[in-house]
Amino acid sequence: MTRHQHCWTQKTANTLNKVPKSVQPRMKETLHDIWMTETQQEVHKTL
């Protein structure tokens, strides 16, 4: 599980580095919501 979490941590950091700083807080929150969902249907509801 640690490896999986590390992967998500790096993906989140890399993604946030690609967007403007003004968008980063909302993007971080959205990525976290996606990460915490259990099903693909829940992800679509989040977006």
N, C-alpha and C. Protein backbone atom coordinates (compact mmCIF):
# COMPACT_ATOMS: atom_id res chain seq x y z
N MET A 1 0.83 -1.20 0.00
CA MET A 1 0.00 0.00 0.00
C MET A 1 0.87 1.25 0.00
N THR A 2 1.98 1.23 0.64
CA THR A 2 2.85 2.39 0.67
C THR A 2 3.28 2.78 -0.74
N ARG A 3 3.60 1.79 -1.55
CA ARG A 3 4.02 2.07 -2.92
C ARG A 3 2.89 2.76 -3.69
N HIS A 4 1.66 2.28 -3.50
CA HIS A 4 0.50 2.87 -4.16
C HIS A 4 0.31 4.32 -3.71
N GLN A 5 0.42 4.56 -2.43
CA GLN A 5 0.26 5.92 -1.91
C GLN A 5 1.36 6.83 -2.45
N HIS A 6 2.58 6.32 -2.50
CA HIS A 6 3.68 7.12 -3.03
C HIS A 6 3.40 7.49 -4.48
N CYS A 7 2.89 6.55 -5.24
CA CYS A 7 2.59 6.79 -6.64
C CYS A 7 1.56 7.93 -6.75
N TRP A 8 0.49 7.87 -5.97
CA TRP A 8 -0.52 8.91 -6.01
C TRP A 8 0.05 10.25 -5.55
N THR A 9 0.92 10.22 -4.57
CA THR A 9 1.55 11.46 -4.10
C THR A 9 2.35 12.10 -5.21
N GLN A 10 3.14 11.31 -5.91
CA GLN A 10 3.95 11.84 -7.00
C GLN A 10 3.09 12.32 -8.16
N LYS A 11 2.05 11.57 -8.49
CA LYS A 11 1.16 11.98 -9.59
C LYS A 11 0.46 13.29 -9.25
N THR A 12 0.03 13.42 -8.01
CA THR A 12 -0.63 14.66 -7.59
C THR A 12 0.34 15.83 -7.67
N ALA A 13 1.54 15.66 -7.15
CA ALA A 13 2.53 16.73 -7.19
C ALA A 13 2.87 17.11 -8.63
N ASN A 14 3.05 16.13 -9.48
CA ASN A 14 3.38 16.40 -10.88
C ASN A 14 2.24 17.12 -11.58
N THR A 15 1.01 16.71 -11.31
CA THR A 15 -0.15 17.36 -11.92
C THR A 15 -0.28 18.80 -11.45
N LEU A 16 -0.12 19.01 -10.15
CA LEU A 16 -0.25 20.37 -9.62
C LEU A 16 0.83 21.30 -10.17
N ASN A 17 2.00 20.76 -10.46
CA ASN A 17 3.07 21.58 -11.03
C ASN A 17 2.78 22.01 -12.46
N LYS A 18 1.81 21.38 -13.12
CA LYS A 18 1.49 21.68 -14.52
C LYS A 18 0.37 22.72 -14.67
N VAL A 19 -0.28 23.08 -13.58
CA VAL A 19 -1.38 24.03 -13.66
C VAL A 19 -1.00 25.34 -12.95
N PRO A 20 -1.67 26.44 -13.31
CA PRO A 20 -1.37 27.72 -12.66
C PRO A 20 -1.61 27.64 -11.15
N LYS A 21 -0.84 28.40 -10.40
CA LYS A 21 -0.94 28.40 -8.94
C LYS A 21 -2.35 28.75 -8.46
N SER A 22 -3.05 29.60 -9.21
CA SER A 22 -4.40 29.99 -8.81
C SER A 22 -5.38 28.82 -8.87
N VAL A 23 -5.07 27.80 -9.65
CA VAL A 23 -5.94 26.64 -9.83
C VAL A 23 -5.56 25.50 -8.90
N GLN A 24 -4.35 25.52 -8.38
CA GLN A 24 -3.82 24.39 -7.62
C GLN A 24 -4.65 23.98 -6.40
N PRO A 25 -5.14 24.88 -5.57
CA PRO A 25 -5.92 24.42 -4.40
C PRO A 25 -7.16 23.62 -4.79
N ARG A 26 -7.89 24.11 -5.77
CA ARG A 26 -9.11 23.39 -6.21
C ARG A 26 -8.74 22.08 -6.90
N MET A 27 -7.68 22.09 -7.69
CA MET A 27 -7.23 20.88 -8.37
C MET A 27 -6.81 19.83 -7.35
N LYS A 28 -6.10 20.25 -6.31
CA LYS A 28 -5.66 19.32 -5.27
C LYS A 28 -6.87 18.69 -4.58
N GLU A 29 -7.86 19.49 -4.27
CA GLU A 29 -9.07 18.99 -3.62
C GLU A 29 -9.80 17.99 -4.53
N THR A 30 -9.91 18.30 -5.81
CA THR A 30 -10.58 17.42 -6.76
C THR A 30 -9.83 16.10 -6.91
N LEU A 31 -8.51 16.17 -7.04
CA LEU A 31 -7.72 14.95 -7.16
C LEU A 31 -7.86 14.07 -5.91
N HIS A 32 -7.91 14.71 -4.75
CA HIS A 32 -8.09 13.95 -3.51
C HIS A 32 -9.45 13.27 -3.50
N ASP A 33 -10.48 13.99 -3.92
CA ASP A 33 -11.82 13.40 -3.98
C ASP A 33 -11.86 12.20 -4.92
N ILE A 34 -11.19 12.32 -6.06
CA ILE A 34 -11.13 11.21 -7.01
C ILE A 34 -10.40 10.03 -6.39
N TRP A 35 -9.30 10.30 -5.75
CA TRP A 35 -8.49 9.24 -5.14
C TRP A 35 -9.27 8.46 -4.09
N MET A 36 -10.12 9.16 -3.36
CA MET A 36 -10.84 8.54 -2.25
C MET A 36 -12.13 7.81 -2.68
N THR A 37 -12.55 7.95 -3.93
CA THR A 37 -13.76 7.27 -4.36
C THR A 37 -13.52 5.78 -4.53
N GLU A 38 -14.58 5.01 -4.38
CA GLU A 38 -14.45 3.56 -4.48
C GLU A 38 -14.81 3.02 -5.86
N THR A 39 -15.64 3.73 -6.61
CA THR A 39 -16.06 3.23 -7.92
C THR A 39 -15.88 4.30 -8.98
N GLN A 40 -15.84 3.86 -10.21
CA GLN A 40 -15.71 4.80 -11.33
C GLN A 40 -16.95 5.70 -11.42
N GLN A 41 -18.11 5.17 -11.09
CA GLN A 41 -19.33 5.97 -11.12
C GLN A 41 -19.24 7.13 -10.14
N GLU A 42 -18.65 6.89 -8.98
CA GLU A 42 -18.48 7.96 -7.99
C GLU A 42 -17.52 9.03 -8.51
N VAL A 43 -16.51 8.62 -9.26
CA VAL A 43 -15.57 9.59 -9.84
C VAL A 43 -16.32 10.51 -10.78
N HIS A 44 -17.18 9.96 -11.62
CA HIS A 44 -17.94 10.78 -12.56
C HIS A 44 -18.86 11.75 -11.84
N LYS A 45 -19.40 11.34 -10.70
CA LYS A 45 -20.23 12.25 -9.90
C LYS A 45 -19.38 13.39 -9.34
N THR A 46 -18.15 13.07 -8.95
CA THR A 46 -17.24 14.07 -8.39
C THR A 46 -16.92 15.14 -9.42
N LEU A 47 -16.71 14.71 -10.65
CA LEU A 47 -16.35 15.65 -11.70
C LEU A 47 -17.57 16.39 -12.17
